[in-house]
């Protein structure tokens, strides 16, 4: 009788180091937790040190048995020196970064694009577009030297259409979609895969102003064929897939995760 063999886990992240920005709540926290659950060592990061410490302890408590491990590094991704320090901390601790998830984003303005204050527009573009570009330059060279890696940007379905209230945010998220296409051209030959994940409305604190709005909530329920809003784990699963062997030939893409909204655009039932 031949020796039985364990079926390879296509989603196993053992041996990987993943850095996730904005990972103390919502989508980012779910991504960091699920990557740890699949065996990765993760770097938790956001601006508030006490919250970073709490989430790091939570992940270490919950997923040590899976081989997951976390460290916390507070950082404001709108400031390049803090971006550099975040990457340096991961490298100092584990000597590598296999997956980088640019999740942190802001939207301080709701209203017509032509009325946005210059300071608010600059802040949106710096945080949502410039910082992923900074991080790509900081992590991709060491990924290339080690034979490859994954760069994931959490974009938004807003990058695919216009919006009368969050136009600047949508503009920044469309730029992120182009960023991963360009990274693919520049880094693909080094086996670095860059992709966007573009969620529709997910029930997070970041999107609270949208999903707590009764009109927007009801519209979403009518226009999403799955008849529900997204959950952070809906996005975390996609990030795990992209970082794993299961996603090894996905590169330069924007994966829309929207409960079927775009497939049935314009349908109200």
Protein backbone atom coordinates (compact mmCIF):
# COMPACT_ATOMS: atom_id res chain seq x y z
CA UNK A 1 0.00 0.00 0.00
CA UNK A 2 1.43 3.33 -0.98
CA UNK A 3 2.09 5.91 1.71
CA UNK A 4 -0.77 8.40 2.01
CA UNK A 5 0.08 11.98 1.19
CA UNK A 6 -1.41 15.10 2.62
CA UNK A 7 -3.19 17.18 0.00
CA UNK A 8 -1.25 20.44 -0.54
CA UNK A 9 -3.07 23.48 0.79
CA UNK A 10 -3.30 25.98 -2.05
CA UNK A 11 -3.96 28.74 0.48
CA UNK A 12 -1.14 27.96 2.91
CA UNK A 13 0.89 31.07 3.80
CA UNK A 14 3.40 29.35 6.06
CA UNK A 15 6.82 30.97 5.77
CA UNK A 16 5.41 34.22 4.43
CA UNK A 17 5.74 37.64 6.00
CA UNK A 18 2.85 40.00 5.27
CA UNK A 19 2.62 43.70 6.04
CA UNK A 20 -0.91 45.12 6.14
CA UNK A 21 -1.50 48.85 6.51
CA UNK A 22 -4.62 50.11 8.24
CA UNK A 23 -4.98 46.72 9.90
CA UNK A 24 -6.52 47.51 13.28
CA UNK A 25 -10.14 47.46 12.13
CA UNK A 26 -12.43 46.60 9.25
CA UNK A 27 -11.01 45.08 6.09
CA UNK A 28 -7.38 45.51 7.10
CA UNK A 29 -7.84 43.75 10.43
CA UNK A 30 -9.67 40.90 8.74
CA UNK A 31 -6.87 40.51 6.19
CA UNK A 32 -4.14 40.46 8.86
CA UNK A 33 -6.08 37.96 10.96
CA UNK A 34 -6.89 35.60 8.09
CA UNK A 35 -3.33 35.68 6.80
CA UNK A 36 -2.11 34.75 10.28
CA UNK A 37 -4.73 32.01 10.42
CA UNK A 38 -3.22 30.61 7.21
CA UNK A 39 0.24 30.59 8.78
CA UNK A 40 1.77 33.95 7.86
CA UNK A 41 3.77 36.21 10.07
CA UNK A 42 2.02 39.58 9.90
CA UNK A 43 2.85 43.18 10.66
CA UNK A 44 -0.13 45.08 12.06
CA UNK A 45 -0.09 48.81 11.49
CA UNK A 46 -2.20 51.94 11.91
CA UNK A 47 -1.68 55.36 13.43
CA UNK A 48 -2.65 54.63 17.07
CA UNK A 49 -0.07 52.66 19.03
CA UNK A 50 -2.47 51.37 21.69
CA UNK A 51 -4.87 49.96 19.11
CA UNK A 52 -1.99 48.40 17.17
CA UNK A 53 -0.80 46.71 20.35
CA UNK A 54 -4.27 45.37 21.16
CA UNK A 55 -4.87 43.88 17.70
CA UNK A 56 -1.37 42.38 17.62
CA UNK A 57 -2.01 40.65 20.94
CA UNK A 58 -5.37 39.40 19.67
CA UNK A 59 -3.84 37.84 16.56
CA UNK A 60 -1.02 36.22 18.55
CA UNK A 61 -3.56 34.79 20.98
CA UNK A 62 -5.93 33.45 18.34
CA UNK A 63 -3.62 32.12 15.65
CA UNK A 64 -0.36 30.98 17.27
CA UNK A 65 -1.56 27.38 16.93
CA UNK A 66 -1.82 27.91 13.16
CA UNK A 67 1.76 29.16 12.96
CA UNK A 68 0.63 32.76 12.72
CA UNK A 69 2.53 35.47 14.52
CA UNK A 70 2.19 39.24 14.63
CA UNK A 71 4.16 42.32 15.51
CA UNK A 72 2.75 45.83 15.66
CA UNK A 73 4.28 48.94 14.13
CA UNK A 74 2.36 52.22 14.39
CA UNK A 75 2.67 54.38 11.27
CA UNK A 76 0.99 57.26 9.48
CA UNK A 77 1.23 56.24 5.84
CA UNK A 78 0.88 59.83 4.70
CA UNK A 79 4.42 60.45 5.97
CA UNK A 80 7.22 58.82 4.03
CA UNK A 81 9.65 58.50 6.98
CA UNK A 82 7.00 56.48 8.84
CA UNK A 83 6.45 54.29 5.76
CA UNK A 84 10.19 53.64 5.67
CA UNK A 85 10.20 52.80 9.38
CA UNK A 86 7.33 50.34 8.93
CA UNK A 87 9.15 48.45 6.19
CA UNK A 88 12.42 48.56 8.15
CA UNK A 89 10.74 47.09 11.24
CA UNK A 90 9.41 44.14 9.26
CA UNK A 91 12.79 43.54 7.66
CA UNK A 92 14.61 43.85 11.00
CA UNK A 93 12.26 41.33 12.62
CA UNK A 94 11.95 38.72 9.88
CA UNK A 95 14.39 39.67 7.12
CA UNK A 96 11.80 39.58 4.35
CA UNK A 97 8.44 40.83 3.14
CA UNK A 98 6.59 38.42 0.89
CA UNK A 99 3.22 40.16 0.70
CA UNK A 100 2.44 43.82 1.14
CA UNK A 101 -1.18 44.91 1.47
CA UNK A 102 -1.80 48.63 0.96
CA UNK A 103 -5.15 48.86 2.68
CA UNK A 104 -5.11 52.14 4.60
CA UNK A 105 -6.99 54.95 2.86
CA UNK A 106 -8.84 58.13 3.73
CA UNK A 107 -11.78 60.15 2.51
CA UNK A 108 -12.10 63.42 4.48
CA UNK A 109 -14.46 65.10 2.03
CA UNK A 110 -18.04 64.45 0.87
CA UNK A 111 -19.36 66.69 -1.86
CA UNK A 112 -18.90 67.74 -5.51
CA UNK A 113 -15.41 67.25 -6.87
CA UNK A 114 -15.22 70.81 -8.19
CA UNK A 115 -15.75 72.17 -4.67
CA UNK A 116 -13.14 70.10 -2.84
CA UNK A 117 -10.58 72.18 -0.89
CA UNK A 118 -7.08 71.83 -2.29
CA UNK A 119 -5.76 70.60 1.05
CA UNK A 120 -8.33 67.80 1.21
CA UNK A 121 -7.63 66.73 -2.38
CA UNK A 122 -3.88 66.67 -1.74
CA UNK A 123 -4.38 64.61 1.42
CA UNK A 124 -6.55 62.04 -0.39
CA UNK A 125 -4.09 61.64 -3.23
CA UNK A 126 -1.06 61.51 -0.93
CA UNK A 127 -2.52 58.83 1.32
CA UNK A 128 -4.42 56.76 -1.23
CA UNK A 129 -2.04 56.95 -4.20
CA UNK A 130 1.35 58.33 -3.22
CA UNK A 131 1.85 56.05 -0.23
CA UNK A 132 1.30 52.81 -2.21
CA UNK A 133 3.84 54.13 -4.71
CA UNK A 134 6.27 54.78 -1.86
CA UNK A 135 5.71 51.29 -0.48
CA UNK A 136 6.19 49.69 -3.89
CA UNK A 137 9.61 51.29 -4.12
CA UNK A 138 10.46 50.21 -0.58
CA UNK A 139 9.42 46.55 -0.79
CA UNK A 140 9.69 45.47 -4.42
CA UNK A 141 13.49 45.52 -4.69
CA UNK A 142 13.89 43.05 -1.82
CA UNK A 143 11.06 40.93 -3.22
CA UNK A 144 12.83 40.83 -6.57
CA UNK A 145 16.12 39.90 -4.95
CA UNK A 146 14.43 36.98 -3.18
CA UNK A 147 12.64 35.69 -6.29
CA UNK A 148 9.22 37.36 -6.10
CA UNK A 149 6.37 38.55 -3.95
CA UNK A 150 2.88 39.99 -3.86
CA UNK A 151 1.69 43.59 -3.73
CA UNK A 152 -2.02 44.04 -3.07
CA UNK A 153 -3.86 47.35 -3.06
CA UNK A 154 -7.33 47.53 -1.56
CA UNK A 155 -9.04 49.82 -4.04
CA UNK A 156 -12.79 50.35 -4.37
CA UNK A 157 -15.53 49.76 -6.87
CA UNK A 158 -15.78 53.55 -6.78
CA UNK A 159 -12.72 53.58 -9.02
CA UNK A 160 -14.91 52.20 -11.82
CA UNK A 161 -17.66 54.81 -11.81
CA UNK A 162 -18.43 58.42 -10.90
CA UNK A 163 -20.04 59.58 -7.67
CA UNK A 164 -21.47 63.00 -6.79
CA UNK A 165 -20.28 62.85 -3.17
CA UNK A 166 -16.97 60.95 -3.13
CA UNK A 167 -15.50 61.86 -6.51
CA UNK A 168 -11.99 62.56 -5.23
CA UNK A 169 -11.90 59.24 -3.38
CA UNK A 170 -13.10 57.45 -6.53
CA UNK A 171 -10.40 59.22 -8.54
CA UNK A 172 -7.73 58.01 -6.13
CA UNK A 173 -9.03 54.45 -6.29
CA UNK A 174 -9.00 54.48 -10.09
CA UNK A 175 -5.37 55.56 -9.87
CA UNK A 176 -4.65 52.54 -7.67
CA UNK A 177 -6.03 50.28 -10.39
CA UNK A 178 -3.60 51.81 -12.85
CA UNK A 179 -0.78 51.54 -10.32
CA UNK A 180 -0.96 47.74 -10.20
CA UNK A 181 -1.06 47.55 -13.99
CA UNK A 182 2.07 49.65 -14.16
CA UNK A 183 3.75 47.66 -11.40
CA UNK A 184 3.05 44.52 -13.38
CA UNK A 185 4.88 45.93 -16.38
CA UNK A 186 7.79 47.10 -14.24
CA UNK A 187 8.11 44.18 -11.80
CA UNK A 188 6.36 41.19 -13.36
CA UNK A 189 9.57 39.79 -14.82
CA UNK A 190 10.88 39.60 -11.24
CA UNK A 191 7.91 37.38 -10.30
CA UNK A 192 6.21 40.16 -8.37
CA UNK A 193 2.45 40.06 -8.72
CA UNK A 194 0.56 43.31 -8.18
CA UNK A 195 -3.23 43.34 -7.98
CA UNK A 196 -6.13 45.42 -6.72
CA UNK A 197 -9.16 44.27 -4.81
CA UNK A 198 -12.13 46.58 -5.41
CA UNK A 199 -14.94 46.06 -2.91
CA UNK A 200 -18.41 47.49 -3.14
CA UNK A 201 -20.08 48.64 0.07
CA UNK A 202 -18.64 46.76 3.05
CA UNK A 203 -19.88 47.23 6.60
CA UNK A 204 -16.85 48.92 8.16
CA UNK A 205 -16.35 52.03 10.24
CA UNK A 206 -14.68 53.65 7.23
CA UNK A 207 -17.85 53.31 5.15
CA UNK A 208 -20.27 53.90 8.02
CA UNK A 209 -21.51 57.19 6.54
CA UNK A 210 -22.63 55.22 3.48
CA UNK A 211 -24.15 52.06 4.91
CA UNK A 212 -25.85 53.87 7.79
CA UNK A 213 -27.53 56.13 5.26
CA UNK A 214 -30.99 54.50 4.88
CA UNK A 215 -31.33 55.48 1.21
CA UNK A 216 -27.90 54.16 0.20
CA UNK A 217 -28.38 51.03 2.29
CA UNK A 218 -31.73 50.24 0.73
CA UNK A 219 -30.40 50.97 -2.76
CA UNK A 220 -27.53 48.58 -2.14
CA UNK A 221 -29.86 45.83 -0.99
CA UNK A 222 -31.98 46.31 -4.11
CA UNK A 223 -29.10 46.44 -6.57
CA UNK A 224 -26.82 43.71 -5.14
CA UNK A 225 -28.09 40.34 -6.41
CA UNK A 226 -26.78 38.67 -3.25
CA UNK A 227 -29.07 40.99 -1.26
CA UNK A 228 -26.55 41.91 1.40
CA UNK A 229 -23.69 44.28 2.05
CA UNK A 230 -20.13 43.04 2.16
CA UNK A 231 -18.36 41.78 5.26
CA UNK A 232 -14.63 42.36 5.93
CA UNK A 233 -13.99 38.62 5.65
CA UNK A 234 -15.40 38.70 2.11
CA UNK A 235 -12.40 40.82 1.18
CA UNK A 236 -9.90 39.06 3.44
CA UNK A 237 -10.48 35.78 1.63
CA UNK A 238 -9.57 37.37 -1.69
CA UNK A 239 -6.36 38.81 -0.21
CA UNK A 240 -5.37 35.40 1.16
CA UNK A 241 -5.99 33.85 -2.24
CA UNK A 242 -3.88 36.47 -4.03
CA UNK A 243 -0.99 35.97 -1.59
CA UNK A 244 -1.11 32.20 -1.86
CA UNK A 245 -0.23 29.59 -4.45
CA UNK A 246 -3.88 29.68 -5.53
CA UNK A 247 -3.33 33.15 -7.00
CA UNK A 248 0.09 32.62 -8.51
CA UNK A 249 -0.95 33.53 -12.10
CA UNK A 250 -3.10 36.55 -11.28
CA UNK A 251 -1.20 39.71 -12.03
CA UNK A 252 -2.08 43.28 -12.94
CA UNK A 253 -5.76 42.76 -12.27
CA UNK A 254 -8.54 44.48 -10.37
CA UNK A 255 -10.77 41.90 -8.72
CA UNK A 256 -14.20 43.41 -8.16
CA UNK A 257 -15.93 42.02 -5.09
CA UNK A 258 -19.40 43.52 -5.13
CA UNK A 259 -22.10 40.98 -4.35
CA UNK A 260 -22.94 40.92 -8.05
CA UNK A 261 -23.80 44.62 -8.31
CA UNK A 262 -22.03 45.35 -11.57
CA UNK A 263 -23.44 42.22 -13.19
CA UNK A 264 -26.93 43.51 -12.57
CA UNK A 265 -26.28 47.23 -12.82
CA UNK A 266 -29.44 49.27 -13.07
CA UNK A 267 -31.78 46.49 -11.94
CA UNK A 268 -34.16 47.29 -9.11
CA UNK A 269 -36.39 44.54 -7.75
